Protein backbone atom coordinates (compact mmCIF):
# COMPACT_ATOMS: atom_id res chain seq x y z
CA MET A 1 12.24 21.35 16.94
CA ARG A 2 9.05 23.04 17.53
CA ASP A 3 10.66 26.50 17.85
CA PHE A 4 11.94 26.05 14.60
CA ILE A 5 9.00 25.13 11.92
CA GLN A 6 7.43 27.83 9.64
CA SER A 7 3.93 28.96 11.33
CA ARG A 8 0.71 28.28 9.26
CA PRO A 9 1.97 26.06 6.55
CA LEU A 10 -0.34 25.72 3.28
CA VAL A 11 -2.07 22.35 3.43
CA VAL A 12 -4.47 21.16 0.49
CA PRO A 13 -6.25 17.85 0.12
CA PRO A 14 -5.20 15.50 -2.66
CA GLN A 15 -8.13 16.09 -4.78
CA LYS A 16 -7.53 19.97 -4.84
CA SER A 17 -6.58 20.90 -8.64
CA VAL A 18 -2.93 22.20 -9.72
CA LYS A 19 -4.57 25.22 -10.74
CA GLU A 20 -6.23 25.83 -7.16
CA THR A 21 -3.33 24.98 -5.62
CA LEU A 22 -0.79 27.57 -7.96
CA ALA A 23 -3.35 30.26 -6.91
CA ALA A 24 -3.07 29.72 -3.35
CA MET A 25 0.36 29.21 -3.10
CA ASN A 26 0.96 32.68 -5.35
CA GLU A 27 -1.58 34.61 -2.63
CA ILE A 28 0.47 33.86 0.13
CA ARG A 29 3.86 33.44 -1.60
CA ALA A 30 4.58 30.08 -0.67
CA THR A 31 7.27 27.87 -1.93
CA ALA A 32 5.92 24.64 -0.77
CA VAL A 33 2.56 23.08 0.01
CA LEU A 34 1.67 20.01 2.24
CA VAL A 35 -0.63 17.54 0.72
CA ALA A 36 -2.94 15.70 3.34
CA ASP A 37 -5.59 13.28 3.47
CA GLU A 38 -8.10 13.45 6.15
CA GLY A 39 -7.60 10.04 7.24
CA ALA A 40 -3.81 9.15 6.43
CA GLY A 41 -2.18 12.59 7.08
CA LEU A 42 0.37 13.69 5.18
CA VAL A 43 0.69 12.06 1.81
CA GLY A 44 2.79 14.35 -0.38
CA ILE A 45 4.54 17.70 -0.88
CA PHE A 46 4.17 20.01 -3.81
CA THR A 47 7.55 22.46 -4.10
CA GLU A 48 8.87 24.75 -6.73
CA LYS A 49 10.97 22.12 -8.12
CA ASP A 50 7.54 19.97 -9.21
CA ILE A 51 6.28 23.35 -10.82
CA ALA A 52 9.25 23.10 -13.13
CA ARG A 53 9.59 19.63 -13.41
CA ARG A 54 6.25 18.40 -13.78
CA VAL A 55 3.65 20.99 -14.05
CA ALA A 56 5.17 23.23 -16.77
CA LEU A 57 5.67 20.27 -18.98
CA ARG A 58 2.45 18.21 -18.87
CA CYS A 59 -0.27 19.81 -16.85
CA ASP A 60 -3.03 21.92 -17.67
CA GLY A 61 -4.21 23.20 -14.29
CA SER A 62 -7.21 20.99 -14.15
CA GLU A 63 -5.49 17.64 -12.47
CA PRO A 64 -5.67 17.12 -9.12
CA ILE A 65 -2.77 18.02 -6.80
CA ARG A 66 -1.94 14.31 -6.20
CA ALA A 67 -0.91 13.67 -9.62
CA VAL A 68 2.09 16.03 -9.62
CA MET A 69 3.10 16.08 -6.10
CA THR A 70 6.07 14.52 -4.77
CA LYS A 71 5.57 11.08 -2.97
CA PRO A 72 6.28 9.35 -0.89
CA VAL A 73 7.17 12.52 1.07
CA LYS A 74 10.11 12.45 3.73
CA SER A 75 9.16 13.97 6.98
CA VAL A 76 10.26 14.60 10.62
CA GLY A 77 8.52 14.39 14.04
CA ILE A 78 7.81 17.35 15.76
CA ASP A 79 9.81 15.95 19.09
CA GLU A 80 12.89 15.15 17.11
CA TYR A 81 16.11 17.06 17.15
CA LEU A 82 16.77 19.77 14.77
CA TYR A 83 20.16 18.18 13.82
CA TYR A 84 18.26 15.25 12.43
CA ALA A 85 16.04 17.30 10.15
CA ILE A 86 19.41 19.21 9.11
CA ALA A 87 21.18 15.57 8.30
CA ARG A 88 17.81 14.35 6.28
CA MET A 89 17.31 17.16 4.51
CA ARG A 90 21.00 17.44 3.50
CA ARG A 91 21.16 13.88 2.72
CA PHE A 92 18.14 13.78 0.45
CA GLY A 93 18.93 17.06 -1.08
CA HIS A 94 15.58 18.75 -0.02
CA ARG A 95 15.39 22.51 0.90
CA HIS A 96 12.03 21.93 2.75
CA MET A 97 10.89 19.18 5.15
CA PRO A 98 7.47 18.70 6.37
CA VAL A 99 6.88 18.47 10.25
CA ILE A 100 4.36 15.87 11.53
CA ASP A 101 3.00 15.12 14.84
CA GLU A 102 2.43 11.54 16.19
CA ASN A 103 -0.66 10.88 13.76
CA ASN A 104 0.99 12.02 10.62
CA GLN A 105 -0.93 15.05 10.90
CA PRO A 106 1.23 17.85 9.19
CA ILE A 107 1.59 20.91 11.53
CA GLY A 108 4.44 22.85 9.47
CA ILE A 109 7.35 23.06 7.50
CA ILE A 110 11.14 23.27 8.52
CA ASP A 111 13.39 25.18 5.79
CA LEU A 112 16.75 24.22 5.60
CA HIS A 113 18.16 27.48 5.73
CA ASP A 114 16.18 28.51 8.57
CA ALA A 115 17.09 25.17 10.34
CA MET A 116 20.98 25.97 9.66
CA ALA A 117 20.86 29.51 10.98
CA ALA A 118 18.69 28.10 14.34
CA ALA A 119 21.25 25.36 14.73
CA ALA A 120 24.16 27.86 14.40
CA GLN A 121 23.05 29.36 17.45
CA GLN A 122 23.29 26.40 19.48
CA LEU A 123 26.02 24.27 18.60
CA ILE A 124 27.65 24.64 15.02
CA ASP A 125 27.51 28.61 15.24
CA GLN A 126 31.36 28.19 14.72
CA ILE A 127 30.97 26.21 11.68
CA ASP A 128 28.64 28.49 10.03
CA ASP A 129 31.09 31.40 10.97
CA LEU A 130 34.27 29.63 9.88
CA THR A 131 32.78 28.43 6.54
CA GLN A 132 32.56 31.98 5.42
CA GLU A 133 36.39 32.15 6.13
CA ARG A 134 38.27 31.30 3.06
CA THR A 135 41.51 31.11 4.79
CA ILE A 136 43.03 27.58 5.09
CA ASP A 137 43.45 28.49 9.17
CA GLY A 138 39.66 28.76 9.07
CA MET A 139 39.22 25.43 7.41
CA ARG A 140 41.34 23.75 9.99
CA GLU A 141 39.30 25.17 12.59
CA VAL A 142 36.21 24.08 10.90
CA LYS A 143 37.48 20.43 10.74
CA ALA A 144 38.23 20.33 14.59
CA VAL A 145 34.45 21.88 15.23
CA GLN A 146 33.21 19.04 13.37
CA VAL A 147 34.54 16.37 15.49
CA ASP A 148 32.65 18.11 18.41
CA LEU A 149 29.59 18.32 16.37
CA ALA A 150 29.78 14.39 15.78
CA TYR A 151 30.25 13.78 19.18
CA GLN A 152 27.00 16.04 20.30
CA LEU A 153 24.87 14.12 17.52
CA MET A 154 26.26 10.65 18.98
CA GLU A 155 24.87 11.91 22.22
CA ASP A 156 21.86 12.81 20.88
CA ASN A 157 21.36 9.41 19.52
CA LEU A 158 21.02 10.45 16.08
CA PRO A 159 21.18 7.33 13.72
CA VAL A 160 24.93 7.06 12.55
CA ASP A 161 24.21 7.08 9.02
CA GLU A 162 22.60 10.31 9.25
CA ILE A 163 25.52 11.70 11.33
CA GLN A 164 27.94 10.54 8.40
CA SER A 165 25.66 12.23 6.10
CA LEU A 166 26.40 15.29 7.84
CA LEU A 167 29.91 14.95 8.29
CA THR A 168 30.45 14.31 4.74
CA HIS A 169 28.17 17.56 3.65
CA ILE A 170 30.99 19.59 5.89
CA ASN A 171 33.84 17.56 4.49
CA ASN A 172 32.76 18.18 0.98
CA ASP A 173 32.13 22.05 1.67
CA ILE A 174 35.72 21.99 3.09
CA HIS A 175 36.78 20.37 -0.28
CA ARG A 176 35.04 23.23 -2.41
CA ARG A 177 36.43 26.04 -0.05
CA VAL A 178 39.99 25.09 -0.22
CA MET A 179 39.62 24.67 -3.86
CA GLU A 180 38.22 28.08 -4.10
CA ASN A 181 41.03 29.31 -1.94
CA CYS A 182 43.72 27.72 -4.50
CA LEU A 183 42.10 28.87 -7.38
CA PHE A 184 41.90 32.46 -6.01
CA ASP A 185 45.84 32.32 -5.19
CA MET A 186 46.67 30.93 -8.38
CA ASN A 187 44.89 33.64 -10.32
CA GLU A 188 46.76 36.28 -7.83
CA GLU A 189 50.06 34.84 -8.69
CA ASN A 190 49.25 35.15 -12.59
CA TRP A 191 48.34 31.61 -13.25
CA GLY A 192 44.94 33.25 -14.47
CA GLU A 193 41.54 31.21 -14.46
CA PRO A 194 41.52 27.40 -15.14
CA PRO A 195 42.14 26.81 -18.74
CA VAL A 196 39.27 24.38 -19.34
CA PRO A 197 36.13 23.50 -17.30
CA PHE A 198 36.82 20.83 -14.68
CA GLU A 199 34.91 19.12 -12.17
CA MET A 200 36.43 17.79 -8.67
CA ILE A 201 35.47 14.24 -7.79
CA VAL A 202 35.56 12.31 -4.24
CA MET A 203 35.84 8.79 -4.02
CA GLY A 204 35.52 5.91 -1.39
CA SER A 205 33.33 6.80 1.79
CA GLY A 206 33.19 10.50 0.72
CA GLY A 207 31.56 9.75 -2.36
CA ARG A 208 29.18 7.27 -0.75
CA GLY A 209 28.11 9.98 1.81
CA GLU A 210 29.80 7.72 4.72
CA ASN A 211 32.67 9.73 6.23
CA PHE A 212 33.99 8.98 9.46
CA LEU A 213 36.33 11.41 11.19
CA TYR A 214 39.48 12.05 9.42
CA PRO A 215 39.01 10.22 6.03
CA ASP A 216 41.78 9.91 3.78
CA GLN A 217 42.24 12.25 0.76
CA ASP A 218 40.67 9.95 -2.19
CA ASN A 219 39.76 12.79 -4.99
CA GLY A 220 40.34 13.41 -8.81
CA PHE A 221 39.72 16.06 -11.44
CA VAL A 222 37.68 15.68 -14.56
CA LEU A 223 38.47 17.93 -17.28
CA GLY A 224 36.75 19.16 -20.15
CA ASP A 225 38.14 17.85 -23.73
CA TYR A 226 41.02 19.98 -25.25
CA ASP A 227 42.81 19.80 -28.10
CA ASN A 228 46.35 17.77 -27.80
CA GLY A 229 48.36 20.67 -28.67
CA GLN A 230 47.27 22.59 -25.59
CA HIS A 231 48.29 19.56 -23.24
CA ASN A 232 51.59 20.74 -21.82
CA SER A 233 50.34 24.20 -20.55
CA ILE A 234 46.83 22.59 -19.38
CA ASN A 235 48.38 20.06 -17.59
CA THR A 236 51.01 22.23 -16.11
CA PHE A 237 47.92 24.42 -14.93
CA PHE A 238 46.00 21.49 -13.12
CA ILE A 239 49.37 19.73 -11.67
CA GLU A 240 50.01 22.99 -9.73
CA LEU A 241 46.16 23.28 -8.58
CA ALA A 242 46.38 19.59 -7.57
CA GLU A 243 49.63 19.92 -5.41
CA ARG A 244 47.95 23.03 -3.87
CA PHE A 245 45.04 21.68 -3.06
CA THR A 246 46.05 18.06 -1.72
CA HIS A 247 48.86 20.00 0.38
CA HIS A 248 46.27 22.33 2.00
CA MET A 249 43.63 19.61 2.35
CA GLU A 250 46.31 17.54 4.33
CA SER A 251 47.08 20.90 6.51
CA VAL A 252 43.42 20.99 7.33
CA GLY A 253 43.21 17.44 8.77
CA PHE A 254 42.80 15.29 5.68
CA PRO A 255 45.88 12.79 5.29
CA LEU A 256 47.26 12.12 2.01
CA CYS A 257 45.91 8.76 0.55
CA ARG A 258 48.55 5.99 1.07
CA GLY A 259 47.40 4.53 -2.47
CA TYR A 260 47.94 7.82 -3.96
CA VAL A 261 44.32 7.98 -5.01
CA MET A 262 44.73 11.91 -5.59
CA ALA A 263 44.64 14.57 -8.15
CA THR A 264 48.21 14.68 -8.11
CA ASN A 265 48.58 11.34 -9.46
CA PRO A 266 47.94 11.72 -13.29
CA LEU A 267 45.99 8.48 -13.00
CA TRP A 268 43.11 10.57 -11.23
CA ARG A 269 43.57 13.65 -13.20
CA LYS A 270 42.53 13.41 -16.81
CA SER A 271 40.10 15.02 -19.38
CA ILE A 272 36.63 13.41 -19.77
CA SER A 273 37.36 11.45 -22.98
CA GLN A 274 40.78 10.34 -21.21
CA TRP A 275 38.72 9.01 -18.42
CA ILE A 276 36.46 7.33 -20.53
CA ALA A 277 39.48 5.63 -22.42
CA GLN A 278 41.16 4.36 -19.27
CA THR A 279 38.28 3.10 -17.57
CA THR A 280 37.58 1.43 -20.93
CA ARG A 281 41.03 0.14 -20.57
CA TRP A 282 40.49 -1.27 -16.96
CA PHE A 283 37.27 -3.25 -18.23
CA GLN A 284 39.36 -4.80 -20.88
CA LYS A 285 42.48 -5.90 -19.09
CA ARG A 286 41.06 -7.45 -16.02
CA SER A 287 44.61 -7.35 -14.22
CA SER A 288 44.79 -7.22 -10.53
CA PHE A 289 45.77 -3.25 -10.52
CA SER A 290 43.11 -2.25 -12.75
CA ILE A 291 40.22 -4.34 -10.52
CA GLN A 292 41.57 -2.57 -7.65
CA MET A 293 41.38 0.87 -9.16
CA SER A 294 37.77 0.32 -10.63
CA ASP A 295 36.85 -0.87 -7.28
CA ILE A 296 37.68 2.29 -5.56
CA PHE A 297 36.57 4.62 -8.40
CA PHE A 298 33.07 3.04 -8.59
CA ASP A 299 31.76 5.23 -5.60
CA PHE A 300 32.67 8.20 -6.96
CA GLN A 301 30.83 11.92 -6.84
CA GLY A 302 31.11 15.07 -8.37
CA ILE A 303 31.24 17.82 -5.91
CA SER A 304 31.17 20.83 -7.69
CA GLU A 305 28.06 22.92 -8.42
CA LYS A 306 27.72 21.98 -11.98
CA LYS A 307 28.27 17.90 -12.44
CA GLU A 308 28.10 17.47 -16.13
CA LEU A 309 31.56 15.85 -16.36
CA ALA A 310 30.90 13.80 -13.52
CA GLN A 311 27.68 12.47 -14.84
CA SER A 312 28.82 11.98 -18.26
CA LEU A 313 31.43 9.66 -16.70
CA ARG A 314 28.84 7.78 -14.52
CA THR A 315 26.63 7.12 -17.74
CA HIS A 316 29.64 5.96 -19.86
CA LEU A 317 30.58 3.59 -16.71
CA THR A 318 26.78 2.21 -16.33
CA THR A 319 26.97 1.54 -20.22
CA MET A 320 29.97 -0.46 -20.24
CA ILE A 321 28.74 -2.70 -17.09
CA ASN A 322 25.62 -3.27 -19.00
CA ARG A 323 27.53 -4.13 -22.05
CA GLY A 324 30.55 -6.19 -20.55
CA PRO A 325 29.72 -7.35 -16.97
CA ILE A 326 32.37 -9.84 -17.17
CA ILE A 327 34.30 -6.89 -15.37
CA LEU A 328 31.93 -7.24 -12.21
CA GLN A 329 33.36 -11.34 -12.15
CA ALA A 330 36.88 -9.81 -11.86
CA MET A 331 35.83 -7.37 -9.26
CA PHE A 332 33.96 -10.39 -7.39
CA GLU A 333 37.13 -12.31 -7.41
CA GLU A 334 39.11 -9.46 -6.01
CA GLU A 335 36.41 -8.83 -3.27
CA THR A 336 36.97 -12.71 -1.95
CA ASN A 337 40.09 -10.99 -0.51
CA ARG A 338 38.07 -9.37 2.05
CA HIS A 339 37.24 -11.23 5.11
CA VAL A 340 34.69 -10.46 7.91
CA ALA A 341 36.44 -10.07 11.24
CA LEU A 342 35.20 -13.39 12.90
CA ASN A 343 37.13 -16.60 13.52
CA PHE A 344 36.22 -20.22 12.85
CA PHE A 345 34.30 -20.38 15.71
CA GLY A 346 32.15 -16.94 14.99
CA ARG A 347 34.07 -15.08 17.70
CA LEU A 348 35.53 -11.73 17.07
CA LYS A 349 38.94 -12.21 14.89
CA LYS A 350 41.51 -9.92 16.58
CA GLU A 351 44.76 -8.50 15.58
CA ARG A 352 47.90 -10.75 16.31
CA GLY A 353 50.61 -8.91 14.93
CA ALA A 354 49.66 -5.16 14.09
CA PRO A 355 51.99 -3.06 16.03
CA GLY A 356 49.68 -1.11 18.54
CA HIS A 357 46.41 -3.20 17.79
CA ARG A 358 47.14 -6.45 19.10
CA GLY A 359 44.11 -7.64 20.37
CA LYS A 360 41.71 -5.27 18.55
CA VAL A 361 39.28 -5.68 15.69
CA ASN A 362 39.71 -3.68 12.40
CA LEU A 363 36.23 -2.82 12.08
CA LYS A 364 36.82 -0.94 8.50
CA HIS A 365 38.63 -3.73 6.72
CA GLY A 366 36.47 -6.56 8.98
CA GLY A 367 33.21 -5.21 8.97
CA ILE A 368 32.48 -1.89 6.86
CA MET A 369 34.50 -2.93 3.66
CA PRO A 370 33.02 -6.33 3.39
CA LEU A 371 29.69 -5.05 3.58
CA VAL A 372 30.25 -1.86 1.34
CA GLY A 373 32.10 -4.14 -1.33
CA ALA A 374 29.45 -6.59 -1.65
CA VAL A 375 26.53 -4.31 -1.84
CA ARG A 376 28.30 -2.36 -4.40
CA LEU A 377 28.80 -5.58 -6.56
CA LEU A 378 25.31 -6.42 -6.39
CA ALA A 379 24.26 -2.94 -7.26
CA LEU A 380 26.47 -2.69 -10.16
CA ARG A 381 25.04 -5.78 -11.19
CA ASN A 382 21.70 -4.67 -11.35
CA GLY A 383 22.23 -1.26 -12.95
CA ILE A 384 22.10 0.51 -9.80
CA GLU A 385 23.85 4.05 -10.01
CA ALA A 386 23.40 5.13 -6.48
CA THR A 387 26.57 5.06 -4.34
CA SER A 388 25.34 5.47 -0.76
CA THR A 389 25.35 2.08 0.56
CA LEU A 390 22.10 2.36 2.30
CA ARG A 391 20.51 3.58 -0.67
CA ARG A 392 21.91 0.62 -2.78
CA ILE A 393 20.15 -1.71 -0.35
CA ASN A 394 16.80 -0.31 -0.57
CA LEU A 395 17.11 -0.12 -4.40
CA LEU A 396 18.09 -4.04 -4.20
CA GLN A 397 15.23 -4.49 -2.28
CA GLU A 398 13.20 -2.61 -4.99
CA LYS A 399 14.65 -5.15 -7.56
CA ARG A 400 13.74 -8.09 -5.37
CA VAL A 401 17.48 -9.27 -4.64
CA PHE A 402 16.56 -8.64 -1.19
CA ASN A 403 13.54 -9.36 0.62
CA ALA A 404 12.44 -7.14 3.35
CA GLU A 405 13.63 -9.08 6.26
CA GLU A 406 17.47 -9.29 4.71
CA THR A 407 17.00 -5.31 3.84
CA ASP A 408 16.39 -4.44 7.50
CA GLU A 409 19.20 -7.11 8.46
CA LEU A 410 21.92 -5.27 6.62
CA ILE A 411 20.91 -1.81 7.13
CA GLU A 412 20.53 -2.70 10.86
CA SER A 413 24.44 -4.22 10.50
CA PHE A 414 25.64 -1.23 8.75
CA ARG A 415 24.54 1.01 11.41
CA GLN A 416 25.59 -1.21 14.24
CA ILE A 417 29.05 -1.67 13.00
CA SER A 418 29.33 2.12 11.92
CA ARG A 419 28.08 3.21 15.44
CA ILE A 420 30.82 1.19 17.27
CA LEU A 421 33.39 2.29 15.08
CA LEU A 422 32.60 5.85 15.00
CA ARG A 423 31.98 6.14 18.52
CA GLN A 424 35.57 4.57 19.18
CA GLN A 425 36.96 7.18 16.76
CA LEU A 426 35.52 9.80 18.90
CA ARG A 427 36.97 8.20 22.32
CA ASP A 428 40.56 7.98 20.43
CA PHE A 429 40.20 11.63 19.60
CA GLN A 430 39.37 12.73 23.22
CA ALA A 431 42.13 10.45 24.58
CA GLY A 432 44.65 12.16 22.47
CA ALA A 433 45.18 9.08 20.41
CA ASN A 434 45.43 8.25 16.88
CA VAL A 435 42.02 8.16 15.12
CA GLY A 436 41.83 4.60 13.48
CA ASN A 437 39.68 1.98 12.58
CA HIS A 438 40.41 -0.48 15.35
CA VAL A 439 38.09 -1.43 18.38
CA SER A 440 39.01 -3.03 21.60
CA PRO A 441 36.43 -6.08 22.35
CA ALA A 442 37.07 -5.33 26.16
CA SER A 443 35.72 -1.89 25.63
CA LEU A 444 32.44 -3.27 24.36
CA PHE A 445 29.46 -4.53 26.99
CA ARG A 446 28.41 -8.05 26.65
CA ARG A 447 25.46 -6.94 25.00
CA GLU A 448 27.33 -4.94 22.28
CA ARG A 449 29.83 -7.59 21.65
CA LYS A 450 26.86 -10.07 21.04
CA THR A 451 25.20 -7.20 18.78
CA LEU A 452 28.57 -6.66 16.68
CA ILE A 453 28.89 -10.52 16.29
CA GLY A 454 25.71 -10.78 14.70
CA ALA A 455 25.97 -7.73 12.50
CA LEU A 456 29.22 -9.41 11.26
CA LYS A 457 27.36 -12.81 10.61
CA THR A 458 25.03 -10.82 8.53
CA VAL A 459 27.85 -9.56 6.58
CA ASP A 460 29.28 -13.19 6.43
CA SER A 461 26.07 -14.25 5.05
CA LEU A 462 26.02 -11.51 2.58
CA GLN A 463 29.16 -12.44 1.14
CA ASP A 464 27.95 -16.05 0.66
CA GLN A 465 24.96 -14.95 -1.25
CA VAL A 466 27.15 -12.66 -3.48
CA ARG A 467 29.53 -15.78 -4.00
CA MET A 468 26.36 -17.88 -4.88
CA VAL A 469 25.24 -15.42 -7.56
CA PHE A 470 28.68 -14.55 -9.06
CA THR A 471 29.79 -18.42 -9.30
CA ALA A 472 26.54 -19.79 -10.64
CA SER A 473 25.53 -16.99 -12.78
CA VAL A 474 26.09 -16.91 -16.82
CA PHE A 475 26.84 -13.58 -17.69
């Protein structure tokens, strides 16, 4: 990390005025300034985004910088790995991140673009080079290099959620580039440009930023509204686009969704008005199918540069939940079908009849999904729009649904289960086996088995908590 930080960062005390700070930034053409207190160390950061978002709207320049800085500030330690900084900046959407010493004193700023360029020289040079290639073969190679990246980050003991965030970022970039390739080819073949604006959404682990290796395709299109008389021509264009896109994504390394949650399915390819009407019907019907669909759907994220359509859909969903939370009761009833991989005696529950998996534990269905589903229910019930599981947990603590101890236990359980599963997937890949979700208890050290059982018991307790909330509540 020491070799990649920008030298001589601009640091100002909290009481310095906004006007003086802007002048200092302008003098050295700085895009960010660190705010540090003599005793507490780093307390905030002030960037160009803050100027546009806060200063331009409500400041005359005399206010102290502490009034408009971003706080609490995300930072990275001087002795951390470069990839840790990259993962954190990508996860939180930051272009800059302060670098601090062991006493929380700022010693520099790391820039995302500079960090990526530096990382490319060490480990992900192939990724950055290949992502400039818009060919499907290029994207296939990027996907292969991604596994090496995940392995290296695991070896470096990076937190598993940071690794998942980085994997998801690369996967989403592949989605965008494959889409660009499809649109370019269609234009060359006289299909023309898209007849209406549209946005691509990803669901499931991609929408939560929690990808493992080789996630299934869970995608959809949200189209701008259009006259009914244009439906046939517009629908024909997007059917062709969806078929090309899902085919190419499969060839790159993203398996087709067995539940057909893809843009090739008209259920997941609609105009914004049709999406609103469809999700409203899901809320009203309360059928098993509609609840399963909404369960998959609530973790969606738009991955296009512009997200107006996706955000409109998210706002609608939040409003519908607030107005008619009875849908959550139905989702809870569906959630009761998910069981933690523990038997009656509190031991790991192994597969019995699954071909090729006998004696193994399905950590996705018996660990990750029960935890994700339970947290999702509580988040939706409390009006939380975030999709990341860990972000939802932290926001639920802010709303006092969880106390500090419960929050720490849930976060640690998520990380423990996820790390064991990701490590197993990497081992499967290296052995030339199918990359899946099953782990053999025999492959775990005794302490690891004990830790895993403890994590699953925490998930089991969370399900009990959710059960109490939804069976005792009067909506």
